[in-house]
PDB file of N, CA and C in Angstrom:
ATOM      1  N   MET A   1     170.480  55.001 103.054  1.00  0.00           N
ATOM      2  CA  MET A   1     169.818  55.695 103.199  1.00  0.00           C
ATOM      3  C   MET A   1     168.718  55.449 102.148  1.00  0.00           C
ATOM      4  N   GLU A   2     167.164  56.002 102.214  1.00  0.00           N
ATOM      5  CA  GLU A   2     166.410  55.514 101.085  1.00  0.00           C
ATOM      6  C   GLU A   2     165.519  56.962 101.271  1.00  0.00           C
ATOM      7  N   HIS A   3     164.795  57.140  99.891  1.00  0.00           N
ATOM      8  CA  HIS A   3     163.702  58.203  99.807  1.00  0.00           C
ATOM      9  C   HIS A   3     164.218  59.605 100.244  1.00  0.00           C
ATOM     10  N   CYS A   4     165.502  60.021 100.158  1.00  0.00           N
ATOM     11  CA  CYS A   4     165.773  61.216 100.597  1.00  0.00           C
ATOM     12  C   CYS A   4     165.969  62.086  99.428  1.00  0.00           C
ATOM     13  N   LYS A   5     165.530  63.585  99.521  1.00  0.00           N
ATOM     14  CA  LYS A   5     166.053  64.481  98.468  1.00  0.00           C
ATOM     15  C   LYS A   5     166.840  65.501  98.654  1.00  0.00           C
ATOM     16  N   THR A   6     167.861  65.794  98.058  1.00  0.00           N
ATOM     17  CA  THR A   6     168.219  67.405  98.152  1.00  0.00           C
ATOM     18  C   THR A   6     169.177  67.284  99.289  1.00  0.00           C
ATOM     19  N   SER A   7     170.086  66.604  99.775  1.00  0.00           N
ATOM     20  CA  SER A   7     170.493  66.500 100.990  1.00  0.00           C
ATOM     21  C   SER A   7     172.516  66.405 100.848  1.00  0.00           C
ATOM     22  N   ASN A   8     173.098  67.371 101.871  1.00  0.00           N
ATOM     23  CA  ASN A   8     174.406  67.080 101.833  1.00  0.00           C
ATOM     24  C   ASN A   8     174.818  66.258 103.276  1.00  0.00           C
ATOM     25  N   VAL A   9     175.629  64.870 102.794  1.00  0.00           N
ATOM     26  CA  VAL A   9     175.849  64.117 104.125  1.00  0.00           C
ATOM     27  C   VAL A   9     177.348  64.199 104.229  1.00  0.00           C
ATOM     28  N   TYR A  10     177.767  63.958 105.347  1.00  0.00           N
ATOM     29  CA  TYR A  10     179.111  63.750 105.929  1.00  0.00           C
ATOM     30  C   TYR A  10     179.548  62.808 106.822  1.00  0.00           C
ATOM     31  N   LEU A  11     180.118  61.844 106.092  1.00  0.00           N
ATOM     32  CA  LEU A  11     179.892  60.580 106.604  1.00  0.00           C
ATOM     33  C   LEU A  11     181.499  60.210 106.633  1.00  0.00           C
ATOM     34  N   TYR A  12     181.915  59.237 108.114  1.00  0.00           N
ATOM     35  CA  TYR A  12     182.750  58.639 107.730  1.00  0.00           C
ATOM     36  C   TYR A  12     182.062  57.179 107.945  1.00  0.00           C
ATOM     37  N   VAL A  13     182.974  56.028 106.984  1.00  0.00           N
ATOM     38  CA  VAL A  13     182.501  55.119 107.061  1.00  0.00           C
ATOM     39  C   VAL A  13     183.193  53.886 106.385  1.00  0.00           C
ATOM     40  N   PRO A  14     183.583  52.938 107.016  1.00  0.00           N
ATOM     41  CA  PRO A  14     184.916  51.942 106.909  1.00  0.00           C
ATOM     42  C   PRO A  14     183.954  50.961 105.703  1.00  0.00           C
ATOM     43  N   SER A  15     182.621  50.680 105.666  1.00  0.00           N
ATOM     44  CA  SER A  15     181.944  49.788 104.882  1.00  0.00           C
ATOM     45  C   SER A  15     181.312  50.695 103.500  1.00  0.00           C
ATOM     46  N   LEU A  16     180.613  50.340 102.685  1.00  0.00           N
ATOM     47  CA  LEU A  16     180.170  51.008 101.635  1.00  0.00           C
ATOM     48  C   LEU A  16     178.782  51.559 101.959  1.00  0.00           C
ATOM     49  N   PRO A  17     178.587  53.156 101.248  1.00  0.00           N
ATOM     50  CA  PRO A  17     177.413  53.395 101.848  1.00  0.00           C
ATOM     51  C   PRO A  17     176.072  53.336 100.772  1.00  0.00           C
ATOM     52  N   VAL A  18     175.009  53.520 100.939  1.00  0.00           N
ATOM     53  CA  VAL A  18     174.274  52.903 100.118  1.00  0.00           C
ATOM     54  C   VAL A  18     173.243  53.874 100.383  1.00  0.00           C
ATOM     55  N   ILE A  19     172.737  54.266  98.685  1.00  0.00           N
ATOM     56  CA  ILE A  19     171.427  54.968  99.161  1.00  0.00           C
ATOM     57  C   ILE A  19     170.039  54.270  97.355  1.00  0.00           C
ATOM     58  N   GLU A  20     169.392  54.569  98.008  1.00  0.00           N
ATOM     59  CA  GLU A  20     168.193  53.933  97.300  1.00  0.00           C
ATOM     60  C   GLU A  20     166.858  54.978  96.977  1.00  0.00           C
ATOM     61  N   GLU A  21     166.361  55.105  96.079  1.00  0.00           N
ATOM     62  CA  GLU A  21     165.003  55.505  95.500  1.00  0.00           C
ATOM     63  C   GLU A  21     165.376  57.159  96.298  1.00  0.00           C
ATOM     64  N   SER A  22     166.343  57.693  96.093  1.00  0.00           N
ATOM     65  CA  SER A  22     167.288  59.023  96.105  1.00  0.00           C
ATOM     66  C   SER A  22     167.708  60.152  95.085  1.00  0.00           C
ATOM     67  N   THR A  23     167.517  61.177  95.125  1.00  0.00           N
ATOM     68  CA  THR A  23     167.954  62.000  94.239  1.00  0.00           C
ATOM     69  C   THR A  23     169.001  62.936  94.839  1.00  0.00           C
ATOM     70  N   ASN A  24     169.950  63.809  94.023  1.00  0.00           N
ATOM     71  CA  ASN A  24     170.618  64.852  94.503  1.00  0.00           C
ATOM     72  C   ASN A  24     171.324  64.827  95.867  1.00  0.00           C
ATOM     73  N   ILE A  25     172.234  63.738  96.080  1.00  0.00           N
ATOM     74  CA  ILE A  25     172.577  63.461  97.622  1.00  0.00           C
ATOM     75  C   ILE A  25     174.124  63.932  97.372  1.00  0.00           C
ATOM     76  N   LYS A  26     174.451  64.528  97.949  1.00  0.00           N
ATOM     77  CA  LYS A  26     175.687  65.335  98.153  1.00  0.00           C
ATOM     78  C   LYS A  26     176.356  64.475  99.164  1.00  0.00           C
ATOM     79  N   PHE A  27     177.775  63.857  98.659  1.00  0.00           N
ATOM     80  CA  PHE A  27     178.750  63.431 100.142  1.00  0.00           C
ATOM     81  C   PHE A  27     180.137  64.277 100.053  1.00  0.00           C
ATOM     82  N   SER A  28     180.468  64.340 101.325  1.00  0.00           N
ATOM     83  CA  SER A  28     181.808  64.903 101.828  1.00  0.00           C
ATOM     84  C   SER A  28     182.314  63.835 102.767  1.00  0.00           C
ATOM     85  N   GLU A  29     183.459  64.193 103.235  1.00  0.00           N
ATOM     86  CA  GLU A  29     183.807  63.186 104.131  1.00  0.00           C
ATOM     87  C   GLU A  29     183.622  63.988 105.927  1.00  0.00           C
ATOM     88  N   TYR A  30     183.480  63.314 106.684  1.00  0.00           N
ATOM     89  CA  TYR A  30     183.112  63.590 108.296  1.00  0.00           C
ATOM     90  C   TYR A  30     184.584  64.435 108.221  1.00  0.00           C
ATOM     91  N   PRO A  31     184.194  65.514 109.122  1.00  0.00           N
ATOM     92  CA  PRO A  31     185.377  66.561 109.257  1.00  0.00           C
ATOM     93  C   PRO A  31     186.339  66.055 110.504  1.00  0.00           C
ATOM     94  N   THR A  32     187.440  65.987 110.228  1.00  0.00           N
ATOM     95  CA  THR A  32     188.276  65.140 111.281  1.00  0.00           C
ATOM     96  C   THR A  32     188.381  65.946 112.712  1.00  0.00           C
ATOM     97  N   ARG A  33     188.234  66.994 112.767  1.00  0.00           N
ATOM     98  CA  ARG A  33     187.985  67.939 113.684  1.00  0.00           C
ATOM     99  C   ARG A  33     186.717  67.471 114.697  1.00  0.00           C
ATOM    100  N   LEU A  34     186.259  67.099 114.383  1.00  0.00           N
ATOM    101  CA  LEU A  34     185.006  66.533 115.242  1.00  0.00           C
ATOM    102  C   LEU A  34     184.989  64.534 115.378  1.00  0.00           C
ATOM    103  N   LEU A  35     186.525  64.261 115.132  1.00  0.00           N
ATOM    104  CA  LEU A  35     186.765  63.179 115.387  1.00  0.00           C
ATOM    105  C   LEU A  35     187.644  63.092 116.407  1.00  0.00           C
ATOM    106  N   GLN A  36     186.902  63.610 117.775  1.00  0.00           N
ATOM    107  CA  GLN A  36     187.773  63.455 118.747  1.00  0.00           C
ATOM    108  C   GLN A  36     187.221  62.377 119.945  1.00  0.00           C
ATOM    109  N   LYS A  37     188.362  62.181 120.694  1.00  0.00           N
ATOM    110  CA  LYS A  37     187.484  61.531 122.183  1.00  0.00           C
ATOM    111  C   LYS A  37     187.170  62.029 122.809  1.00  0.00           C
ATOM    112  N   PRO A  38     185.692  62.180 123.506  1.00  0.00           N
ATOM    113  CA  PRO A  38     185.305  62.792 124.452  1.00  0.00           C
ATOM    114  C   PRO A  38     186.146  62.708 125.494  1.00  0.00           C
ATOM    115  N   PRO A  39     186.303  63.942 126.445  1.00  0.00           N
ATOM    116  CA  PRO A  39     186.730  64.019 127.678  1.00  0.00           C
ATOM    117  C   PRO A  39     186.112  62.798 128.466  1.00  0.00           C
ATOM    118  N   GLY A  40     187.060  61.818 129.348  1.00  0.00           N
ATOM    119  CA  GLY A  40     186.693  61.460 130.325  1.00  0.00           C
ATOM    120  C   GLY A  40     186.160  59.712 129.708  1.00  0.00           C
ATOM    121  N   ASP A  41     186.200  59.488 128.648  1.00  0.00           N
ATOM    122  CA  ASP A  41     185.490  58.478 127.983  1.00  0.00           C
ATOM    123  C   ASP A  41     186.153  57.320 128.540  1.00  0.00           C
ATOM    124  N   GLN A  42     185.312  56.555 129.061  1.00  0.00           N
ATOM    125  CA  GLN A  42     185.934  55.186 129.205  1.00  0.00           C
ATOM    126  C   GLN A  42     185.932  54.064 128.587  1.00  0.00           C
ATOM    127  N   VAL A  43     184.821  54.228 127.516  1.00  0.00           N
ATOM    128  CA  VAL A  43     185.069  53.275 126.142  1.00  0.00           C
ATOM    129  C   VAL A  43     185.952  53.402 125.491  1.00  0.00           C
ATOM    130  N   HIS A  44     186.484  54.184 125.203  1.00  0.00           N
ATOM    131  CA  HIS A  44     187.458  54.289 123.635  1.00  0.00           C
ATOM    132  C   HIS A  44     188.695  54.437 124.765  1.00  0.00           C
ATOM    133  N   THR A  45     189.762  53.806 123.974  1.00  0.00           N
ATOM    134  CA  THR A  45     191.036  53.857 124.845  1.00  0.00           C
ATOM    135  C   THR A  45     191.879  54.940 124.110  1.00  0.00           C
ATOM    136  N   GLN A  46     191.543  54.643 122.994  1.00  0.00           N
ATOM    137  CA  GLN A  46     192.618  56.181 122.134  1.00  0.00           C
ATOM    138  C   GLN A  46     191.612  56.912 121.241  1.00  0.00           C
ATOM    139  N   PRO A  47     192.189  58.038 121.672  1.00  0.00           N
ATOM    140  CA  PRO A  47     191.319  59.031 120.752  1.00  0.00           C
ATOM    141  C   PRO A  47     191.197  59.082 119.647  1.00  0.00           C
ATOM    142  N   LEU A  48     190.177  58.982 118.748  1.00  0.00           N
ATOM    143  CA  LEU A  48     190.230  59.355 117.323  1.00  0.00           C
ATOM    144  C   LEU A  48     190.901  60.030 116.698  1.00  0.00           C
ATOM    145  N   ALA A  49     191.157  61.412 117.112  1.00  0.00           N
ATOM    146  CA  ALA A  49     192.286  62.433 116.166  1.00  0.00           C
ATOM    147  C   ALA A  49     192.817  62.888 117.576  1.00  0.00           C
ATOM    148  N   THR A  50     194.253  63.732 117.636  1.00  0.00           N
ATOM    149  CA  THR A  50     194.922  64.223 118.102  1.00  0.00           C
ATOM    150  C   THR A  50     195.635  65.279 117.670  1.00  0.00           C
ATOM    151  N   ARG A  51     195.337  66.688 118.727  1.00  0.00           N
ATOM    152  CA  ARG A  51     196.058  67.615 117.623  1.00  0.00           C
ATOM    153  C   ARG A  51     197.302  68.150 118.216  1.00  0.00           C
ATOM    154  N   THR A  52     197.991  68.272 117.827  1.00  0.00           N
ATOM    155  CA  THR A  52     199.515  69.040 117.925  1.00  0.00           C
ATOM    156  C   THR A  52     199.972  70.364 117.589  1.00  0.00           C
ATOM    157  N   ASN A  53     200.324  70.953 117.726  1.00  0.00           N
ATOM    158  CA  ASN A  53     200.583  72.662 117.113  1.00  0.00           C
ATOM    159  C   ASN A  53     200.426  72.923 115.732  1.00  0.00           C
ATOM    160  N   THR A  54     200.777  71.687 114.912  1.00  0.00           N
ATOM    161  CA  THR A  54     201.097  72.079 113.557  1.00  0.00           C
ATOM    162  C   THR A  54     199.856  71.080 112.908  1.00  0.00           C
ATOM    163  N   SER A  55     199.371  70.200 113.250  1.00  0.00           N
ATOM    164  CA  SER A  55     198.356  69.480 112.395  1.00  0.00           C
ATOM    165  C   SER A  55     197.583  68.589 113.734  1.00  0.00           C
ATOM    166  N   LEU A  56     196.677  67.988 112.905  1.00  0.00           N
ATOM    167  CA  LEU A  56     195.365  67.282 113.459  1.00  0.00           C
ATOM    168  C   LEU A  56     195.905  65.838 112.961  1.00  0.00           C
ATOM    169  N   THR A  57     196.186  64.772 113.985  1.00  0.00           N
ATOM    170  CA  THR A  57     196.313  62.930 113.667  1.00  0.00           C
ATOM    171  C   THR A  57     195.285  62.442 114.174  1.00  0.00           C
ATOM    172  N   CYS A  58     194.646  61.630 112.702  1.00  0.00           N
ATOM    173  CA  CYS A  58     193.697  60.722 112.976  1.00  0.00           C
ATOM    174  C   CYS A  58     194.356  59.068 113.078  1.00  0.00           C
ATOM    175  N   SER A  59     193.371  58.556 114.139  1.00  0.00           N
ATOM    176  CA  SER A  59     193.888  57.434 114.145  1.00  0.00           C
ATOM    177  C   SER A  59     192.904  56.406 114.150  1.00  0.00           C
ATOM    178  N   ILE A  60     191.767  56.848 113.053  1.00  0.00           N
ATOM    179  CA  ILE A  60     190.503  56.531 112.969  1.00  0.00           C
ATOM    180  C   ILE A  60     190.960  55.445 111.639  1.00  0.00           C
ATOM    181  N   PRO A  61     190.425  53.937 111.929  1.00  0.00           N
ATOM    182  CA  PRO A  61     190.670  52.942 110.669  1.00  0.00           C
ATOM    183  C   PRO A  61     190.342  53.538 109.484  1.00  0.00           C
ATOM    184  N   LYS A  62     191.324  53.150 108.260  1.00  0.00           N
ATOM    185  CA  LYS A  62     191.004  53.322 107.506  1.00  0.00           C
ATOM    186  C   LYS A  62     190.263  52.096 106.608  1.00  0.00           C
ATOM    187  N   PRO A  63     189.391  52.375 105.562  1.00  0.00           N
ATOM    188  CA  PRO A  63     189.686  53.343 104.682  1.00  0.00           C
ATOM    189  C   PRO A  63     188.225  54.183 104.703  1.00  0.00           C
ATOM    190  N   ASN A  64     188.123  55.280 104.614  1.00  0.00           N
ATOM    191  CA  ASN A  64     187.225  55.833 104.874  1.00  0.00           C
ATOM    192  C   ASN A  64     186.708  56.133 103.399  1.00  0.00           C
ATOM    193  N   ASN A  65     185.132  55.129 103.110  1.00  0.00           N
ATOM    194  CA  ASN A  65     184.298  55.289 101.673  1.00  0.00           C
ATOM    195  C   ASN A  65     183.395  55.984 101.533  1.00  0.00           C
ATOM    196  N   TYR A  66     183.572  57.327 101.850  1.00  0.00           N
ATOM    197  CA  TYR A  66     181.860  58.273 101.963  1.00  0.00           C
ATOM    198  C   TYR A  66     182.341  58.673 100.490  1.00  0.00           C
ATOM    199  N   GLN A  67     183.347  58.239  99.228  1.00  0.00           N
ATOM    200  CA  GLN A  67     183.106  58.828  98.601  1.00  0.00           C
ATOM    201  C   GLN A  67     182.644  57.259  97.214  1.00  0.00           C
ATOM    202  N   ASP A  68     182.636  56.072  97.707  1.00  0.00           N
ATOM    203  CA  ASP A  68     182.354  54.866  97.223  1.00  0.00           C
ATOM    204  C   ASP A  68     180.837  54.490  97.577  1.00  0.00           C
ATOM    205  N   VAL A  69     179.841  55.397  97.207  1.00  0.00           N
ATOM    206  CA  VAL A  69     178.442  55.214  97.014  1.00  0.00           C
ATOM    207  C   VAL A  69     177.861  54.202  96.216  1.00  0.00           C
ATOM    208  N   LYS A  70     176.744  53.447  96.881  1.00  0.00           N
ATOM    209  CA  LYS A  70     176.598  52.605  95.723  1.00  0.00           C
ATOM    210  C   LYS A  70     174.751  52.573  95.907  1.00  0.00           C
ATOM    211  N   ASP A  71     174.653  52.878  94.443  1.00  0.00           N
ATOM    212  CA  ASP A  71     173.365  53.234  94.414  1.00  0.00           C
ATOM    213  C   ASP A  71     172.126  52.344  94.008  1.00  0.00           C
ATOM    214  N   PHE A  72     171.284  51.677  94.831  1.00  0.00           N
ATOM    215  CA  PHE A  72     170.616  50.282  94.575  1.00  0.00           C
ATOM    216  C   PHE A  72     169.472  50.732  93.461  1.00  0.00           C
ATOM    217  N   SER A  73     169.270  51.841  93.549  1.00  0.00           N
ATOM    218  CA  SER A  73     168.237  52.180  92.135  1.00  0.00           C
ATOM    219  C   SER A  73     168.800  52.616  90.776  1.00  0.00           C
ATOM    220  N   TRP A  74     170.155  52.569  90.918  1.00  0.00           N
ATOM    221  CA  TRP A  74     170.801  53.000  89.717  1.00  0.00           C
ATOM    222  C   TRP A  74     171.657  51.439  89.122  1.00  0.00           C
ATOM    223  N   ILE A  75     171.438  50.439  87.966  1.00  0.00           N
ATOM    224  CA  ILE A  75     171.923  49.269  88.284  1.00  0.00           C
ATOM    225  C   ILE A  75     172.901  49.113  86.679  1.00  0.00           C
ATOM    226  N   ARG A  76     173.133  50.490  86.031  1.00  0.00           N
ATOM    227  CA  ARG A  76     173.325  50.849  85.152  1.00  0.00           C
ATOM    228  C   ARG A  76     174.800  50.277  84.982  1.00  0.00           C
ATOM    229  N   THR A  77     176.297  50.474  83.896  1.00  0.00           N
ATOM    230  CA  THR A  77     177.277  50.634  84.172  1.00  0.00           C
ATOM    231  C   THR A  77     177.906  52.283  84.507  1.00  0.00           C
ATOM    232  N   THR A  78     177.089  53.383  84.201  1.00  0.00           N
ATOM    233  CA  THR A  78     177.474  54.603  83.984  1.00  0.00           C
ATOM    234  C   THR A  78     177.192  55.317  85.518  1.00  0.00           C
ATOM    235  N   PRO A  79     177.823  56.160  86.117  1.00  0.00           N
ATOM    236  CA  PRO A  79     177.717  56.841  87.055  1.00  0.00           C
ATOM    237  C   PRO A  79     176.208  57.331  87.396  1.00  0.00           C
ATOM    238  N   SER A  80     175.847  56.983  88.186  1.00  0.00           N
ATOM    239  CA  SER A  80     174.833  57.145  89.143  1.00  0.00           C
ATOM    240  C   SER A  80     174.514  59.128  89.138  1.00  0.00           C
ATOM    241  N   PRO A  81     173.197  59.723  88.527  1.00  0.00           N
ATOM    242  CA  PRO A  81     173.063  60.961  88.341  1.00  0.00           C
ATOM    243  C   PRO A  81     172.285  61.238  89.670  1.00  0.00           C
ATOM    244  N   ASN A  82     172.180  60.347  90.909  1.00  0.00           N
ATOM    245  CA  ASN A  82     171.279  60.712  91.966  1.00  0.00           C
ATOM    246  C   ASN A  82     172.503  61.176  93.294  1.00  0.00           C
ATOM    247  N   TRP A  83     173.643  61.135  93.058  1.00  0.00           N
ATOM    248  CA  TRP A  83     174.319  61.407  94.332  1.00  0.00           C
ATOM    249  C   TRP A  83     175.969  61.828  93.546  1.00  0.00           C
ATOM    250  N   SER A  84     176.783  62.579  94.064  1.00  0.00           N
ATOM    251  CA  SER A  84     177.677  62.886  93.693  1.00  0.00           C
ATOM    252  C   SER A  84     178.782  63.714  95.330  1.00  0.00           C
ATOM    253  N   ILE A  85     179.940  64.039  94.867  1.00  0.00           N
ATOM    254  CA  ILE A  85     180.842  64.049  95.994  1.00  0.00           C
ATOM    255  C   ILE A  85     180.616  65.842  96.097  1.00  0.00           C
ATOM    256  N   MET A  86     180.335  66.349  97.440  1.00  0.00           N
ATOM    257  CA  MET A  86     180.113  67.502  97.675  1.00  0.00           C
ATOM    258  C   MET A  86     181.448  68.770  97.122  1.00  0.00           C
ATOM    259  N   GLU A  87     180.826  69.519  96.520  1.00  0.00           N
ATOM    260  CA  GLU A  87     182.020  70.629  96.182  1.00  0.00           C
ATOM    261  C   GLU A  87     182.476  71.493  97.398  1.00  0.00           C
ATOM    262  N   ASP A  88     183.843  71.920  97.155  1.00  0.00           N
ATOM    263  CA  ASP A  88     184.201  72.764  98.678  1.00  0.00           C
ATOM    264  C   ASP A  88     183.312  73.539  99.099  1.00  0.00           C
ATOM    265  N   THR A  89     182.772  74.758  97.810  1.00  0.00           N
ATOM    266  CA  THR A  89     182.501  75.673  98.525  1.00  0.00           C
ATOM    267  C   THR A  89     180.584  75.312  98.771  1.00  0.00           C
ATOM    268  N   ASP A  90     180.233  74.139  98.809  1.00  0.00           N
ATOM    269  CA  ASP A  90     179.433  73.626  99.319  1.00  0.00           C
ATOM    270  C   ASP A  90     179.370  73.188 100.601  1.00  0.00           C
ATOM    271  N   LYS A  91     180.451  73.118 101.481  1.00  0.00           N
ATOM    272  CA  LYS A  91     180.915  72.453 102.666  1.00  0.00           C
ATOM    273  C   LYS A  91     180.788  73.216 103.747  1.00  0.00           C
ATOM    274  N   ILE A  92     180.396  72.532 104.951  1.00  0.00           N
ATOM    275  CA  ILE A  92     180.127  73.672 105.876  1.00  0.00           C
ATOM    276  C   ILE A  92     181.438  74.177 106.596  1.00  0.00           C
ATOM    277  N   ASP A  93     181.538  75.353 106.890  1.00  0.00           N
ATOM    278  CA  ASP A  93     182.782  75.854 107.964  1.00  0.00           C
ATOM    279  C   ASP A  93     182.100  75.491 109.403  1.00  0.00           C
ATOM    280  N   TRP A  94     182.472  74.014 109.535  1.00  0.00           N
ATOM    281  CA  TRP A  94     182.365  73.245 111.137  1.00  0.00           C
ATOM    282  C   TRP A  94     182.893  74.409 112.012  1.00  0.00           C
ATOM    283  N   VAL A  95     184.123  74.763 112.025  1.00  0.00           N
ATOM    284  CA  VAL A  95     184.523  75.665 113.143  1.00  0.00           C
ATOM    285  C   VAL A  95     183.914  77.142 113.553  1.00  0.00           C
ATOM    286  N   ARG A  96     183.641  77.681 112.555  1.00  0.00           N
ATOM    287  CA  ARG A  96     182.794  78.968 112.446  1.00  0.00           C
ATOM    288  C   ARG A  96     181.157  78.709 112.972  1.00  0.00           C
ATOM    289  N   GLU A  97     180.755  77.245 112.426  1.00  0.00           N
ATOM    290  CA  GLU A  97     179.464  77.213 112.383  1.00  0.00           C
ATOM    291  C   GLU A  97     179.180  76.982 114.255  1.00  0.00           C
ATOM    292  N   ILE A  98     180.484  76.152 114.782  1.00  0.00           N
ATOM    293  CA  ILE A  98     180.085  76.104 116.510  1.00  0.00           C
ATOM    294  C   ILE A  98     180.522  76.719 116.895  1.00  0.00           C
ATOM    295  N   ASN A  99     181.917  77.901 116.392  1.00  0.00           N
ATOM    296  CA  ASN A  99     182.067  79.401 117.276  1.00  0.00           C
ATOM    297  C   ASN A  99     180.688  80.024 116.939  1.00  0.00           C
ATOM    298  N   THR A 100     179.996  80.210 116.116  1.00  0.00           N
ATOM    299  CA  THR A 100     178.768  80.725 116.166  1.00  0.00           C
ATOM    300  C   THR A 100     177.784  80.842 117.237  1.00  0.00           C
ATOM    301  N   TYR A 101     177.774  78.873 117.112  1.00  0.00           N
ATOM    302  CA  TYR A 101     176.634  78.311 117.976  1.00  0.00           C
ATOM    303  C   TYR A 101     176.681  78.686 119.544  1.00  0.00           C
ATOM    304  N   ARG A 102     177.944  78.182 119.908  1.00  0.00           N
ATOM    305  CA  ARG A 102     178.103  78.729 121.039  1.00  0.00           C
ATOM    306  C   ARG A 102     178.111  80.493 121.611  1.00  0.00           C
ATOM    307  N   ALA A 103     178.559  80.812 120.527  1.00  0.00           N
ATOM    308  CA  ALA A 103     178.020  82.696 120.847  1.00  0.00           C
ATOM    309  C   ALA A 103     176.673  83.030 121.216  1.00  0.00           C
ATOM    310  N   VAL A 104     175.496  82.380 120.599  1.00  0.00           N
ATOM    311  CA  VAL A 104     174.220  82.708 120.659  1.00  0.00           C
ATOM    312  C   VAL A 104     173.694  82.325 121.896  1.00  0.00           C
ATOM    313  N   PRO A 105     172.749  83.591 122.613  1.00  0.00           N
ATOM    314  CA  PRO A 105     172.160  83.277 123.607  1.00  0.00           C
ATOM    315  C   PRO A 105     171.595  81.855 123.836  1.00  0.00           C
ATOM    316  N   THR A 106     170.888  81.597 124.964  1.00  0.00           N
ATOM    317  CA  THR A 106     170.335  80.213 125.224  1.00  0.00           C
ATOM    318  C   THR A 106     168.561  80.544 125.008  1.00  0.00           C
ATOM    319  N   THR A 107     167.751  80.342 124.475  1.00  0.00           N
ATOM    320  CA  THR A 107     166.481  80.547 124.579  1.00  0.00           C
ATOM    321  C   THR A 107     165.585  79.408 125.479  1.00  0.00           C
ATOM    322  N   LYS A 108     164.650  79.692 125.566  1.00  0.00           N
ATOM    323  CA  LYS A 108     163.814  78.719 126.442  1.00  0.00           C
ATOM    324  C   LYS A 108     163.546  77.526 125.817  1.00  0.00           C
ATOM    325  N   THR A 109     162.943  78.022 124.675  1.00  0.00           N
ATOM    326  CA  THR A 109     162.288  76.625 123.650  1.00  0.00           C
ATOM    327  C   THR A 109     163.589  76.086 123.264  1.00  0.00           C
ATOM    328  N   SER A 110     164.746  76.527 122.736  1.00  0.00           N
ATOM    329  CA  SER A 110     165.869  75.674 122.404  1.00  0.00           C
ATOM    330  C   SER A 110     167.159  75.436 123.410  1.00  0.00           C
ATOM    331  N   GLU A 111     166.452  75.465 124.469  1.00  0.00           N
ATOM    332  CA  GLU A 111     167.310  75.218 125.740  1.00  0.00           C
ATOM    333  C   GLU A 111     167.842  73.498 125.662  1.00  0.00           C
ATOM    334  N   TRP A 112     166.804  72.209 125.736  1.00  0.00           N
ATOM    335  CA  TRP A 112     166.999  71.501 125.507  1.00  0.00           C
ATOM    336  C   TRP A 112     168.019  71.021 124.571  1.00  0.00           C
ATOM    337  N   VAL A 113     167.493  71.310 123.220  1.00  0.00           N
ATOM    338  CA  VAL A 113     168.678  71.001 122.164  1.00  0.00           C
ATOM    339  C   VAL A 113     169.803  71.867 122.280  1.00  0.00           C
ATOM    340  N   ARG A 114     169.800  72.921 123.138  1.00  0.00           N
ATOM    341  CA  ARG A 114     171.512  73.780 123.366  1.00  0.00           C
ATOM    342  C   ARG A 114     172.569  72.412 124.529  1.00  0.00           C
ATOM    343  N   GLU A 115     171.670  72.297 125.639  1.00  0.00           N
ATOM    344  CA  GLU A 115     172.198  71.090 126.153  1.00  0.00           C
ATOM    345  C   GLU A 115     172.611  69.883 125.690  1.00  0.00           C
ATOM    346  N   ALA A 116     171.586  69.070 124.547  1.00  0.00           N
ATOM    347  CA  ALA A 116     172.478  68.449 124.086  1.00  0.00           C
ATOM    348  C   ALA A 116     173.888  68.330 122.906  1.00  0.00           C
ATOM    349  N   VAL A 117     173.334  69.439 122.117  1.00  0.00           N
ATOM    350  CA  VAL A 117     174.731  70.034 121.638  1.00  0.00           C
ATOM    351  C   VAL A 117     175.991  70.411 121.998  1.00  0.00           C
ATOM    352  N   ASN A 118     175.750  71.222 123.236  1.00  0.00           N
ATOM    353  CA  ASN A 118     176.869  71.290 123.964  1.00  0.00           C
ATOM    354  C   ASN A 118     177.745  69.995 124.473  1.00  0.00           C
ATOM    355  N   GLU A 119     177.149  69.189 125.022  1.00  0.00           N
ATOM    356  CA  GLU A 119     177.275  68.010 125.412  1.00  0.00           C
ATOM    357  C   GLU A 119     178.013  66.899 124.312  1.00  0.00           C
ATOM    358  N   VAL A 120     177.733  67.301 123.530  1.00  0.00           N
ATOM    359  CA  VAL A 120     178.534  67.064 121.915  1.00  0.00           C
ATOM    360  C   VAL A 120     179.883  67.848 121.640  1.00  0.00           C
ATOM    361  N   LEU A 121     179.727  69.234 121.758  1.00  0.00           N
ATOM    362  CA  LEU A 121     180.416  69.926 121.533  1.00  0.00           C
ATOM    363  C   LEU A 121     181.641  70.128 122.640  1.00  0.00           C
ATOM    364  N   GLY A 122     181.236  70.209 123.625  1.00  0.00           N
ATOM    365  CA  GLY A 122     182.211  69.806 125.061  1.00  0.00           C
ATOM    366  C   GLY A 122     183.285  68.725 124.886  1.00  0.00           C
ATOM    367  N   ARG A 123     183.130  67.522 123.743  1.00  0.00           N
ATOM    368  CA  ARG A 123     183.713  66.644 123.417  1.00  0.00           C
ATOM    369  C   ARG A 123     185.236  67.064 122.300  1.00  0.00           C
ATOM    370  N   VAL A 124     184.900  68.326 121.817  1.00  0.00           N
ATOM    371  CA  VAL A 124     185.327  68.884 120.557  1.00  0.00           C
ATOM    372  C   VAL A 124     186.287  69.842 120.753  1.00  0.00           C
ATOM    373  N   ASN A 125     187.756  70.003 120.808  1.00  0.00           N
ATOM    374  CA  ASN A 125     188.350  71.128 121.388  1.00  0.00           C
ATOM    375  C   ASN A 125     188.749  71.714 119.606  1.00  0.00           C
ATOM    376  N   LEU A 126     188.051  73.134 119.549  1.00  0.00           N
ATOM    377  CA  LEU A 126     189.167  73.439 118.614  1.00  0.00           C
ATOM    378  C   LEU A 126     189.732  74.229 118.611  1.00  0.00           C
TER     379      LEU A 126
END
């Protein structure tokens, strides 16, 4: 990620994330509720996440290194001031956002965006 300012990033990555020439970047784990196998998916043989009555179990490869960001612009041994872990108060309530989005009527200008998002949301069972 290069030349970014003031961004919130939700990330699942088994490798190490890198920023460069960026400031005020906040990282959080990508929501496991959104890591589900799309219906009819012929590519993945196992779901990424499975819902039971009491919990959500993920079969995603570990580890998730979203919190181990390397800043190529900060070569000192002290922590980089250019990024941080996102506070809970800054995180999106994904269930609320998706349900709100689904409730908004379609307008002609946003119809193609809505179709694309609904395709993705159709893969998510909240």
